[in-house]
Amino acid sequence: MKYMLMRKADSDTENGVLPSDHLLQAMADYNERMTRAGVFVCGNGVRPSREGCRIEFHDGEPTVSSGPFGMTGELLAGYSVLEVESLEEAIDWARQWPKEDANGNVTLELRRYFTLDDFRPGPGLEKHEALGRLPREMNIHVAFPGTCREAMEFYSDVTGGHLEAMITYGETPAAEDVSADMHDRIVHASVNIRGRRLMGADCPEYRPPEGNQVHLEYDREDQAERVFRALSDGGQVIMPFEQTFWAHRFGMTRDRFGLQWMISFGLDQCT
């Protein structure tokens, strides 16, 4: 079951006081412990209410009110989403909230998420259940002939994505099933690009990819062109980065590692 652990606002958070590096480290350690325990889903801090607004409906008509808002202690400063077995387990994790936060003077609130099992059967529930059958995320996996490490480091640098994994065969039980010269090759690498992952591995029986492209779309033309040029360097341009009838700029290229890319800057971004 999922719980939202809410950190209530105080005068510091409402005044936009940023956490110290000491507190950031303590929160990172706390989140890391929960991640390793398999209970941490996500978490974020939110900016002061003066930078937000409220939308209230009266007879179906919305009214927008700008912050800041009163009753500071009832406002939200941040949250974490935990997936645990019980309320007691959620409380146990809440008790471990870092004492470095506000010198140990904070208010937390736990609220359990509704699940589809809480609702009566009906067309509305069926539609939500259909949405629930969608995969949690969709990622791309690419094979390499021994250049995975270099390629994934390159992709991380070019896209600005986070290189979150780089594991060799020798670091896993798979070492027993491959030749010794494969032990320093990569069995799993992952670049996180806005929550989507470009994953890769060195494959003993490598075959060059055919008929596959990775598509990146940008909302700035200069960013799109920079990435296209970087990926094309040492590779082969398949279609120049130019205006088309479906995009303001679009190009296709094969990088020096053999992976094909489509880079675009959409028409809806034009002025």
Protein backbone atom coordinates (compact mmCIF):
# COMPACT_ATOMS: atom_id res chain seq x y z
CA MET A 1 0.00 0.00 0.00
CA LYS A 2 1.12 3.55 -0.73
CA TYR A 3 1.32 6.40 1.74
CA MET A 4 2.14 10.05 1.20
CA LEU A 5 4.42 11.36 3.92
CA MET A 6 3.85 15.13 3.93
CA ARG A 7 6.22 17.63 5.46
CA LYS A 8 4.14 20.61 6.60
CA ALA A 9 5.33 24.15 5.95
CA ASP A 10 6.84 26.52 8.50
CA SER A 11 8.07 30.11 8.45
CA ASP A 12 11.40 29.14 6.85
CA THR A 13 9.88 27.13 4.00
CA GLU A 14 7.26 29.83 3.36
CA ASN A 15 10.04 32.44 3.24
CA GLY A 16 11.91 30.40 0.65
CA VAL A 17 14.85 29.50 2.90
CA LEU A 18 16.70 26.73 1.07
CA PRO A 19 17.98 23.72 3.01
CA SER A 20 21.66 23.71 3.91
CA ASP A 21 24.04 21.26 2.30
CA HIS A 22 24.14 19.45 5.65
CA LEU A 23 20.38 18.95 5.53
CA LEU A 24 20.46 17.97 1.85
CA GLN A 25 23.01 15.26 2.73
CA ALA A 26 20.86 14.03 5.62
CA MET A 27 17.75 13.87 3.41
CA ALA A 28 19.70 12.08 0.68
CA ASP A 29 20.92 9.51 3.23
CA TYR A 30 17.35 9.05 4.48
CA ASN A 31 15.98 8.59 0.96
CA GLU A 32 18.83 6.22 0.14
CA ARG A 33 17.97 4.00 3.12
CA MET A 34 14.33 3.87 2.03
CA THR A 35 15.35 3.20 -1.56
CA ARG A 36 17.53 0.27 -0.54
CA ALA A 37 14.66 -1.04 1.58
CA GLY A 38 12.41 -0.85 -1.47
CA VAL A 39 9.86 1.52 0.06
CA PHE A 40 10.78 4.89 -1.50
CA VAL A 41 8.71 5.70 -4.59
CA CYS A 42 9.44 9.40 -5.05
CA GLY A 43 9.70 12.68 -3.20
CA ASN A 44 9.97 16.42 -3.76
CA GLY A 45 10.00 19.72 -1.99
CA VAL A 46 7.62 22.46 -3.13
CA ARG A 47 8.23 26.19 -3.40
CA PRO A 48 6.56 28.73 -1.08
CA SER A 49 2.85 29.33 -1.48
CA ARG A 50 3.54 32.90 -2.67
CA GLU A 51 4.75 31.34 -5.93
CA GLY A 52 1.58 29.28 -6.32
CA CYS A 53 -2.15 29.75 -6.54
CA ARG A 54 -5.45 28.18 -5.58
CA ILE A 55 -8.26 27.34 -7.96
CA GLU A 56 -11.64 27.25 -6.25
CA PHE A 57 -14.85 26.20 -7.99
CA HIS A 58 -18.27 27.65 -7.22
CA ASP A 59 -21.13 26.19 -9.23
CA GLY A 60 -18.57 24.83 -11.65
CA GLU A 61 -16.86 28.19 -12.26
CA PRO A 62 -13.15 28.44 -11.34
CA THR A 63 -11.67 31.35 -9.40
CA VAL A 64 -7.88 31.64 -9.25
CA SER A 65 -6.28 33.21 -6.18
CA SER A 66 -2.55 33.91 -5.98
CA GLY A 67 -0.50 33.09 -2.89
CA PRO A 68 0.81 33.51 -0.29
CA PHE A 69 -1.74 31.81 1.94
CA GLY A 70 -2.32 31.92 5.68
CA MET A 71 -2.29 29.09 8.21
CA THR A 72 1.30 28.20 7.41
CA GLY A 73 1.25 24.98 9.41
CA GLU A 74 -1.49 23.59 7.19
CA LEU A 75 0.45 24.20 3.98
CA LEU A 76 2.72 21.70 2.24
CA ALA A 77 6.51 22.10 2.06
CA GLY A 78 7.38 18.70 0.61
CA TYR A 79 6.37 15.08 0.38
CA SER A 80 7.61 11.54 -0.04
CA VAL A 81 5.64 8.61 -1.41
CA LEU A 82 6.26 5.31 0.38
CA GLU A 83 5.15 1.83 -0.64
CA VAL A 84 4.92 -0.27 2.50
CA GLU A 85 2.99 -3.20 3.96
CA SER A 86 1.15 -1.30 6.70
CA LEU A 87 0.52 2.02 8.43
CA GLU A 88 2.83 0.87 11.23
CA GLU A 89 5.70 0.44 8.76
CA ALA A 90 5.01 3.88 7.28
CA ILE A 91 5.05 5.38 10.80
CA ASP A 92 8.34 3.63 11.50
CA TRP A 93 9.93 5.33 8.50
CA ALA A 94 8.36 8.67 9.41
CA ARG A 95 9.94 8.41 12.87
CA GLN A 96 13.34 8.31 11.16
CA TRP A 97 12.88 11.73 9.53
CA PRO A 98 16.25 13.56 9.71
CA LYS A 99 16.68 15.57 12.91
CA GLU A 100 18.72 18.07 10.89
CA ASP A 101 15.47 19.42 9.44
CA ALA A 102 14.46 22.57 11.39
CA ASN A 103 16.55 21.34 14.33
CA GLY A 104 14.13 18.48 14.82
CA ASN A 105 11.00 20.64 14.96
CA VAL A 106 8.80 19.59 12.04
CA THR A 107 5.27 18.32 11.53
CA LEU A 108 4.71 15.33 9.28
CA GLU A 109 1.43 13.83 8.13
CA LEU A 110 0.78 10.37 6.69
CA ARG A 111 -2.11 9.71 4.31
CA ARG A 112 -2.85 6.45 2.56
CA TYR A 113 -3.61 6.37 -1.15
CA PHE A 114 -6.91 5.01 -2.40
CA THR A 115 -6.65 1.86 -4.50
CA LEU A 116 -9.04 0.60 -7.15
CA ASP A 117 -10.17 -2.10 -4.71
CA ASP A 118 -11.77 0.64 -2.60
CA PHE A 119 -14.39 1.43 -5.27
CA ARG A 120 -17.54 -0.30 -6.43
CA PRO A 121 -17.54 -1.93 -9.88
CA GLY A 122 -18.75 0.25 -12.73
CA PRO A 123 -17.76 1.81 -16.07
CA GLY A 124 -15.63 4.44 -14.38
CA LEU A 125 -13.69 1.83 -12.43
CA GLU A 126 -13.24 -0.27 -15.58
CA LYS A 127 -11.70 2.68 -17.37
CA HIS A 128 -9.24 3.25 -14.52
CA GLU A 129 -8.37 -0.45 -14.50
CA ALA A 130 -7.66 -0.28 -18.24
CA LEU A 131 -5.27 2.60 -17.61
CA GLY A 132 -3.66 0.55 -14.86
CA ARG A 133 -2.75 -2.15 -17.38
CA LEU A 134 -0.40 0.25 -19.11
CA PRO A 135 3.28 -0.43 -18.33
CA ARG A 136 4.86 1.70 -15.64
CA GLU A 137 7.41 2.96 -18.16
CA MET A 138 8.84 2.16 -21.59
CA ASN A 139 12.58 2.12 -22.15
CA ILE A 140 15.04 1.34 -24.95
CA HIS A 141 17.76 -1.33 -24.80
CA VAL A 142 20.71 -1.34 -27.20
CA ALA A 143 23.40 -3.96 -27.82
CA PHE A 144 27.08 -3.11 -28.32
CA PRO A 145 30.10 -5.13 -29.51
CA GLY A 146 32.29 -4.02 -26.60
CA THR A 147 31.86 -0.25 -26.76
CA CYS A 148 28.96 0.06 -24.29
CA ARG A 149 30.87 1.96 -21.61
CA GLU A 150 32.20 4.57 -24.04
CA ALA A 151 28.86 4.88 -25.82
CA MET A 152 26.74 5.31 -22.69
CA GLU A 153 29.13 7.86 -21.21
CA PHE A 154 28.91 9.72 -24.53
CA TYR A 155 25.10 9.60 -24.58
CA SER A 156 24.94 10.85 -20.99
CA ASP A 157 27.20 13.78 -21.85
CA VAL A 158 25.38 14.69 -25.08
CA THR A 159 21.82 14.47 -23.73
CA GLY A 160 22.49 15.67 -20.19
CA GLY A 161 20.94 12.44 -18.92
CA HIS A 162 22.04 10.82 -15.67
CA LEU A 163 24.32 7.81 -16.04
CA GLU A 164 22.72 5.79 -13.26
CA ALA A 165 24.20 2.33 -13.84
CA MET A 166 27.36 0.81 -15.29
CA ILE A 167 27.85 -2.83 -14.26
CA THR A 168 30.36 -5.28 -15.71
CA TYR A 169 29.89 -9.01 -16.26
CA GLY A 170 32.67 -9.60 -13.74
CA GLU A 171 30.62 -7.90 -11.01
CA THR A 172 27.71 -10.33 -11.37
CA PRO A 173 27.04 -14.08 -11.25
CA ALA A 174 26.99 -13.89 -15.07
CA ALA A 175 30.80 -13.93 -14.91
CA GLU A 176 30.63 -17.71 -14.62
CA ASP A 177 28.84 -17.98 -17.96
CA VAL A 178 31.08 -15.80 -20.13
CA SER A 179 34.73 -15.93 -21.13
CA ALA A 180 37.32 -14.08 -19.04
CA ASP A 181 37.77 -11.41 -21.71
CA MET A 182 34.13 -10.40 -21.17
CA HIS A 183 34.51 -9.74 -17.44
CA ASP A 184 35.34 -6.05 -17.94
CA ARG A 185 32.59 -5.61 -20.54
CA ILE A 186 29.25 -4.09 -19.59
CA VAL A 187 26.28 -6.32 -18.75
CA HIS A 188 24.00 -3.41 -17.84
CA ALA A 189 24.21 0.35 -18.29
CA SER A 190 21.46 2.92 -18.02
CA VAL A 191 21.14 6.62 -18.85
CA ASN A 192 18.08 8.24 -17.29
CA ILE A 193 16.67 10.92 -19.59
CA ARG A 194 13.73 12.61 -17.88
CA GLY A 195 12.53 9.35 -16.39
CA ARG A 196 12.99 7.36 -19.61
CA ARG A 197 15.96 5.07 -19.84
CA LEU A 198 18.38 4.30 -22.64
CA MET A 199 19.88 1.00 -21.52
CA GLY A 200 22.68 -1.00 -23.07
CA ALA A 201 25.00 -3.98 -22.78
CA ASP A 202 27.93 -5.57 -24.54
CA CYS A 203 26.69 -8.75 -26.21
CA PRO A 204 28.94 -11.75 -26.96
CA GLU A 205 26.94 -12.43 -30.15
CA TYR A 206 26.55 -8.85 -31.31
CA ARG A 207 24.47 -7.92 -34.32
CA PRO A 208 24.29 -4.33 -35.59
CA PRO A 209 20.86 -2.73 -35.04
CA GLU A 210 18.70 -2.44 -38.14
CA GLY A 211 15.49 -0.49 -38.61
CA ASN A 212 15.62 1.08 -35.14
CA GLN A 213 15.99 4.72 -34.18
CA VAL A 214 15.94 6.66 -30.92
CA HIS A 215 13.86 9.83 -31.22
CA LEU A 216 14.63 12.96 -29.18
CA GLU A 217 12.39 16.01 -29.42
CA TYR A 218 13.48 19.43 -28.17
CA ASP A 219 11.66 22.67 -27.49
CA ARG A 220 14.66 24.77 -28.47
CA GLU A 221 16.18 24.68 -31.93
CA ASP A 222 19.73 25.36 -30.77
CA GLN A 223 19.56 22.45 -28.33
CA ALA A 224 18.27 20.09 -31.01
CA GLU A 225 20.94 21.15 -33.48
CA ARG A 226 23.72 20.83 -30.91
CA VAL A 227 22.69 17.26 -30.10
CA PHE A 228 22.32 16.36 -33.78
CA ARG A 229 25.82 17.63 -34.55
CA ALA A 230 27.34 15.86 -31.55
CA LEU A 231 25.73 12.55 -32.47
CA SER A 232 26.76 12.94 -36.10
CA ASP A 233 30.42 13.59 -35.25
CA GLY A 234 32.33 10.52 -36.40
CA GLY A 235 29.13 8.94 -37.65
CA GLN A 236 26.97 9.29 -40.75
CA VAL A 237 24.18 11.76 -41.43
CA ILE A 238 21.21 9.93 -42.91
CA MET A 239 18.94 12.97 -43.30
CA PRO A 240 20.20 16.54 -42.77
CA PHE A 241 18.82 18.59 -39.91
CA GLU A 242 16.43 20.76 -41.90
CA GLN A 243 12.84 21.96 -42.08
CA THR A 244 10.25 19.39 -43.15
CA PHE A 245 6.50 19.42 -43.62
CA TRP A 246 6.03 17.80 -40.19
CA ALA A 247 8.66 19.61 -38.12
CA HIS A 248 10.44 22.93 -38.06
CA ARG A 249 13.71 21.01 -37.94
CA PHE A 250 14.26 17.27 -38.24
CA GLY A 251 17.28 15.09 -38.94
CA MET A 252 18.42 11.50 -38.83
CA THR A 253 21.93 10.30 -38.13
CA ARG A 254 23.90 7.18 -37.24
CA ASP A 255 26.42 7.81 -34.48
CA ARG A 256 29.93 6.36 -34.36
CA PHE A 257 28.69 3.44 -32.27
CA GLY A 258 26.13 2.37 -34.90
CA LEU A 259 22.98 3.61 -33.17
CA GLN A 260 20.53 5.61 -35.29
CA TRP A 261 18.87 8.77 -33.98
CA MET A 262 16.02 11.05 -35.02
CA ILE A 263 16.27 14.60 -33.64
CA SER A 264 13.44 17.08 -34.01
CA PHE A 265 12.30 20.57 -33.11
CA GLY A 266 8.54 20.77 -33.57
CA LEU A 267 6.46 23.10 -35.68
CA ASP A 268 4.37 24.05 -32.66
CA GLN A 269 7.45 25.74 -31.21
CA CYS A 270 7.72 28.17 -34.15
CA THR A 271 6.76 31.80 -33.89
